[in-house]
Structures are given as C-alpha cells and as structure tokens.
C-alpha cells in the first residue's frame, strides 16, 4: 500500500509563505501526475495544483502566480511553495496520486493575523 505523508503546514500571517512537502513510499510517484488538493469544513475537496510526470505544472486560477508545484523524483517528494498567502487559502491540504486511491493524511494551513 502506498503511503503519502504531507508536512509543512502551519499558521502564517496574510502575505506569508509556506512550503508543503509530500513524501511517497517507494517509487509511487514514478510516471504519475500528483495533485495538491485542499478542503475546508463542509466543502468539497478541490484541486489547486498538479505536476505531471514530466514536471509540467497546472494551477487553479485562484493560486496562479502565488503557488508553485514541483517534484523531486530522486527523493520521491512533491512540493507546493505557497507565497502571498490569503485567509481564503486556509484549509487542510492533501496530496494525491492522480487516478489512484492514494491520499495522504493532510497538513493544516491556517492564514490569519
């Protein structure tokens, strides 16, 4: 069974930055696109960014220019650099191997003054 472990969340002031990491067991990311999703209470989980197996990034409009997704295939880790954070970015952030049933446990991001 694939294990995905997110880390890097925390409390940050508006305008601040955080870097999330998602580490996979073995070579689970090889050949797969990996997405970062977020969810707030009572809302559906939404995709905010994904990185293809070739490293190509895609973003939802609300985070373009502020978030950067990347991957390190040697370390089997995917990152989400989040800059210029806003209160509406507050959510539980998950990574997910696109097309699989594999999800991490999530890492909480709270943007508040």
Protein backbone atom coordinates (compact mmCIF):
# COMPACT_ATOMS: atom_id res chain seq x y z
CA UNK A 1 0.00 0.00 0.00
CA UNK A 2 1.27 3.43 -0.93
CA UNK A 3 1.92 5.86 1.89
CA UNK A 4 1.80 9.59 1.29
CA UNK A 5 2.93 11.90 4.07
CA UNK A 6 2.31 15.63 3.88
CA UNK A 7 4.17 18.13 6.02
CA UNK A 8 4.97 21.81 6.21
CA UNK A 9 1.63 23.27 7.20
CA UNK A 10 1.17 25.77 9.96
CA UNK A 11 -0.10 29.16 10.99
CA UNK A 12 1.07 32.11 8.93
CA UNK A 13 0.06 35.72 8.59
CA UNK A 14 -1.53 37.03 5.40
CA UNK A 15 1.15 37.67 2.82
CA UNK A 16 3.38 34.99 4.28
CA UNK A 17 4.75 31.81 2.78
CA UNK A 18 4.76 28.10 3.46
CA UNK A 19 6.28 25.16 1.69
CA UNK A 20 4.38 21.91 1.78
CA UNK A 21 6.02 18.57 1.11
CA UNK A 22 4.50 15.23 0.17
CA UNK A 23 6.73 12.22 0.54
CA UNK A 24 5.79 8.90 -1.01
CA UNK A 25 6.79 5.41 -0.10
CA UNK A 26 8.95 3.66 -2.64
CA UNK A 27 8.69 4.98 -6.15
CA UNK A 28 4.96 5.60 -6.04
CA UNK A 29 5.23 8.90 -7.90
CA UNK A 30 7.12 7.45 -10.87
CA UNK A 31 5.24 8.03 -14.09
CA UNK A 32 2.27 9.60 -12.30
CA UNK A 33 0.84 13.06 -12.04
CA UNK A 34 0.49 14.24 -8.47
CA UNK A 35 -2.00 16.78 -7.25
CA UNK A 36 -2.35 19.06 -4.26
CA UNK A 37 -5.89 19.43 -3.02
CA UNK A 38 -7.43 21.41 -0.21
CA UNK A 39 -10.58 21.11 1.80
CA UNK A 40 -12.40 23.27 4.32
CA UNK A 41 -15.16 22.05 6.65
CA UNK A 42 -18.40 21.48 4.81
CA UNK A 43 -16.82 21.93 1.39
CA UNK A 44 -15.69 19.51 -1.25
CA UNK A 45 -12.04 18.82 -1.72
CA UNK A 46 -10.68 20.93 -4.58
CA UNK A 47 -7.62 20.53 -6.76
CA UNK A 48 -5.35 23.55 -6.51
CA UNK A 49 -2.25 22.37 -8.36
CA UNK A 50 -0.81 19.35 -10.03
CA UNK A 51 2.51 18.35 -11.51
CA UNK A 52 2.69 15.88 -14.37
CA UNK A 53 5.15 13.02 -14.58
CA UNK A 54 7.24 15.23 -16.87
CA UNK A 55 7.21 18.04 -14.34
CA UNK A 56 4.66 20.25 -16.05
CA UNK A 57 2.67 22.33 -13.58
CA UNK A 58 -1.01 23.22 -13.66
CA UNK A 59 -2.86 25.53 -11.30
CA UNK A 60 -6.35 26.58 -10.44
CA UNK A 61 -6.91 30.24 -11.28
CA UNK A 62 -7.09 31.38 -7.67
CA UNK A 63 -3.49 30.36 -6.91
CA UNK A 64 -1.77 31.22 -10.18
CA UNK A 65 1.21 33.48 -9.60
CA UNK A 66 1.30 32.63 -5.90
CA UNK A 67 1.78 28.84 -5.69
CA UNK A 68 4.46 26.75 -7.32
CA UNK A 69 4.28 22.97 -7.55
CA UNK A 70 7.38 20.90 -8.19
CA UNK A 71 8.69 17.39 -7.79
CA UNK A 72 11.96 15.68 -6.93
CA UNK A 73 11.84 12.22 -8.44
CA UNK A 74 15.01 11.13 -6.67
CA UNK A 75 13.56 11.97 -3.28
CA UNK A 76 10.06 10.78 -4.25
CA UNK A 77 8.72 14.08 -2.98
CA UNK A 78 6.34 16.68 -4.37
CA UNK A 79 6.33 20.24 -3.10
CA UNK A 80 3.92 23.12 -3.01
CA UNK A 81 5.51 26.50 -2.44
CA UNK A 82 2.82 28.91 -1.34
CA UNK A 83 3.54 32.65 -1.36
CA UNK A 84 1.39 35.69 -0.71
CA UNK A 85 -0.97 33.57 1.31
CA UNK A 86 -4.50 34.81 1.90
CA UNK A 87 -7.03 33.93 4.61
CA UNK A 88 -9.08 32.09 1.98
CA UNK A 89 -6.16 29.69 1.48
CA UNK A 90 -6.85 28.30 4.93
CA UNK A 91 -7.63 24.61 4.54
CA UNK A 92 -6.41 21.08 5.07
CA UNK A 93 -4.05 20.33 2.20
CA UNK A 94 -3.66 16.84 0.75
CA UNK A 95 -1.52 15.28 -1.92
CA UNK A 96 -2.90 12.63 -4.22
CA UNK A 97 -1.64 10.43 -6.99
CA UNK A 98 -3.94 11.23 -9.87
CA UNK A 99 -6.05 8.26 -10.86
CA UNK A 100 -5.27 6.30 -7.73
CA UNK A 101 -6.99 5.78 -4.43
CA UNK A 102 -3.98 7.03 -2.52
CA UNK A 103 -4.27 10.09 -0.29
CA UNK A 104 -2.16 11.46 2.49
CA UNK A 105 -3.49 12.43 5.91
CA UNK A 106 -3.31 16.14 5.13
CA UNK A 107 -1.49 19.10 6.62
CA UNK A 108 -3.33 22.11 8.01
CA UNK A 109 -2.63 25.56 6.62
CA UNK A 110 -4.08 28.49 8.53
CA UNK A 111 -3.66 32.03 7.28
CA UNK A 112 -4.64 34.54 9.92
CA UNK A 113 -3.42 37.68 11.57
